[in-house]
Amino acid sequence: MAARRAVGTARRSGDHDAEAAAHEAVDRAKHALGERGPVWWGDGAPDLNRHMARATPYATWFADLG
């Protein structure tokens, strides 16, 4: 959050160099938190959206819930 606040502070003061540095700090933080980086949908895993759980590899797990 400190980096996000620094973006606002720099923007309000009109300091373009400080704003760019703050944006870079936000980007580094987001990468460290796993919010940015390689996309998950390009990993080759099957897309199981719109499938019933019982018809997926999660069938046993799903059956054990009930």
C-alpha atoms as a PDB file:
ATOM      1  CA  MET A   1       0.000   0.000   0.000  1.00  0.00           C
ATOM      2  CA  ALA A   2       2.908   2.363   0.558  1.00  0.00           C
ATOM      3  CA  ALA A   3       3.737   2.207  -3.147  1.00  0.00           C
ATOM      4  CA  ARG A   4       0.103   2.866  -4.082  1.00  0.00           C
ATOM      5  CA  ARG A   5       0.021   5.887  -1.768  1.00  0.00           C
ATOM      6  CA  ALA A   6       3.279   7.097  -3.312  1.00  0.00           C
ATOM      7  CA  VAL A   7       1.631   7.032  -6.751  1.00  0.00           C
ATOM      8  CA  GLY A   8      -1.144   9.328  -5.538  1.00  0.00           C
ATOM      9  CA  THR A   9       1.226  11.643  -3.726  1.00  0.00           C
ATOM     10  CA  ALA A  10       3.467  11.970  -6.776  1.00  0.00           C
ATOM     11  CA  ARG A  11       0.512  12.458  -9.089  1.00  0.00           C
ATOM     12  CA  ARG A  12      -0.963  15.221  -6.921  1.00  0.00           C
ATOM     13  CA  SER A  13       2.384  16.997  -6.725  1.00  0.00           C
ATOM     14  CA  GLY A  14       2.981  16.691 -10.474  1.00  0.00           C
ATOM     15  CA  ASP A  15       6.311  14.871  -9.962  1.00  0.00           C
ATOM     16  CA  HIS A  16       6.413  12.629 -13.027  1.00  0.00           C
ATOM     17  CA  ASP A  17       9.720  10.962 -12.100  1.00  0.00           C
ATOM     18  CA  ALA A  18       8.453  10.066  -8.617  1.00  0.00           C
ATOM     19  CA  GLU A  19       5.197   8.805 -10.111  1.00  0.00           C
ATOM     20  CA  ALA A  20       7.077   6.535 -12.533  1.00  0.00           C
ATOM     21  CA  ALA A  21       9.219   5.198  -9.683  1.00  0.00           C
ATOM     22  CA  ALA A  22       6.118   4.575  -7.586  1.00  0.00           C
ATOM     23  CA  HIS A  23       4.427   2.708 -10.446  1.00  0.00           C
ATOM     24  CA  GLU A  24       7.525   0.516 -10.742  1.00  0.00           C
ATOM     25  CA  ALA A  25       7.360  -0.180  -6.993  1.00  0.00           C
ATOM     26  CA  VAL A  26       3.684  -1.159  -7.327  1.00  0.00           C
ATOM     27  CA  ASP A  27       4.575  -3.500 -10.186  1.00  0.00           C
ATOM     28  CA  ARG A  28       7.362  -5.151  -8.142  1.00  0.00           C
ATOM     29  CA  ALA A  29       4.999  -5.621  -5.203  1.00  0.00           C
ATOM     30  CA  LYS A  30       2.294  -7.152  -7.398  1.00  0.00           C
ATOM     31  CA  HIS A  31       4.802  -9.592  -8.894  1.00  0.00           C
ATOM     32  CA  ALA A  32       6.006 -10.540  -5.404  1.00  0.00           C
ATOM     33  CA  LEU A  33       2.410 -11.182  -4.331  1.00  0.00           C
ATOM     34  CA  GLY A  34       1.715 -13.338  -7.380  1.00  0.00           C
ATOM     35  CA  GLU A  35      -0.781 -10.892  -8.851  1.00  0.00           C
ATOM     36  CA  ARG A  36       1.312 -10.464 -11.982  1.00  0.00           C
ATOM     37  CA  GLY A  37       3.482 -12.841 -13.910  1.00  0.00           C
ATOM     38  CA  PRO A  38       2.838 -15.783 -16.188  1.00  0.00           C
ATOM     39  CA  VAL A  39      -0.814 -16.223 -17.063  1.00  0.00           C
ATOM     40  CA  TRP A  40      -2.483 -19.277 -15.579  1.00  0.00           C
ATOM     41  CA  TRP A  41      -4.724 -19.955 -18.562  1.00  0.00           C
ATOM     42  CA  GLY A  42      -1.777 -20.681 -20.846  1.00  0.00           C
ATOM     43  CA  ASP A  43      -0.352 -23.529 -18.779  1.00  0.00           C
ATOM     44  CA  GLY A  44      -1.850 -26.294 -20.933  1.00  0.00           C
ATOM     45  CA  ALA A  45      -4.161 -27.587 -18.200  1.00  0.00           C
ATOM     46  CA  PRO A  46      -7.659 -28.496 -19.376  1.00  0.00           C
ATOM     47  CA  ASP A  47     -10.344 -25.858 -18.927  1.00  0.00           C
ATOM     48  CA  LEU A  48     -12.921 -27.431 -16.622  1.00  0.00           C
ATOM     49  CA  ASN A  49     -15.300 -24.476 -16.486  1.00  0.00           C
ATOM     50  CA  ARG A  50     -18.883 -25.360 -17.309  1.00  0.00           C
ATOM     51  CA  HIS A  51     -18.346 -29.010 -16.332  1.00  0.00           C
ATOM     52  CA  MET A  52     -20.089 -30.784 -13.496  1.00  0.00           C
ATOM     53  CA  ALA A  53     -17.580 -31.658 -10.779  1.00  0.00           C
ATOM     54  CA  ARG A  54     -18.592 -35.311 -10.993  1.00  0.00           C
ATOM     55  CA  ALA A  55     -17.446 -35.366 -14.637  1.00  0.00           C
ATOM     56  CA  THR A  56     -13.969 -33.989 -13.939  1.00  0.00           C
ATOM     57  CA  PRO A  57     -10.797 -35.241 -12.279  1.00  0.00           C
ATOM     58  CA  TYR A  58     -12.292 -33.779  -9.063  1.00  0.00           C
ATOM     59  CA  ALA A  59     -15.110 -36.379  -8.995  1.00  0.00           C
ATOM     60  CA  THR A  60     -13.729 -38.316  -6.015  1.00  0.00           C
ATOM     61  CA  TRP A  61     -13.136 -35.152  -4.028  1.00  0.00           C
ATOM     62  CA  PHE A  62     -16.642 -33.942  -4.835  1.00  0.00           C
ATOM     63  CA  ALA A  63     -18.222 -37.262  -3.856  1.00  0.00           C
ATOM     64  CA  ASP A  64     -16.415 -37.201  -0.510  1.00  0.00           C
ATOM     65  CA  LEU A  65     -17.989 -33.825   0.317  1.00  0.00           C
ATOM     66  CA  GLY A  66     -21.497 -35.163   0.586  1.00  0.00           C
END
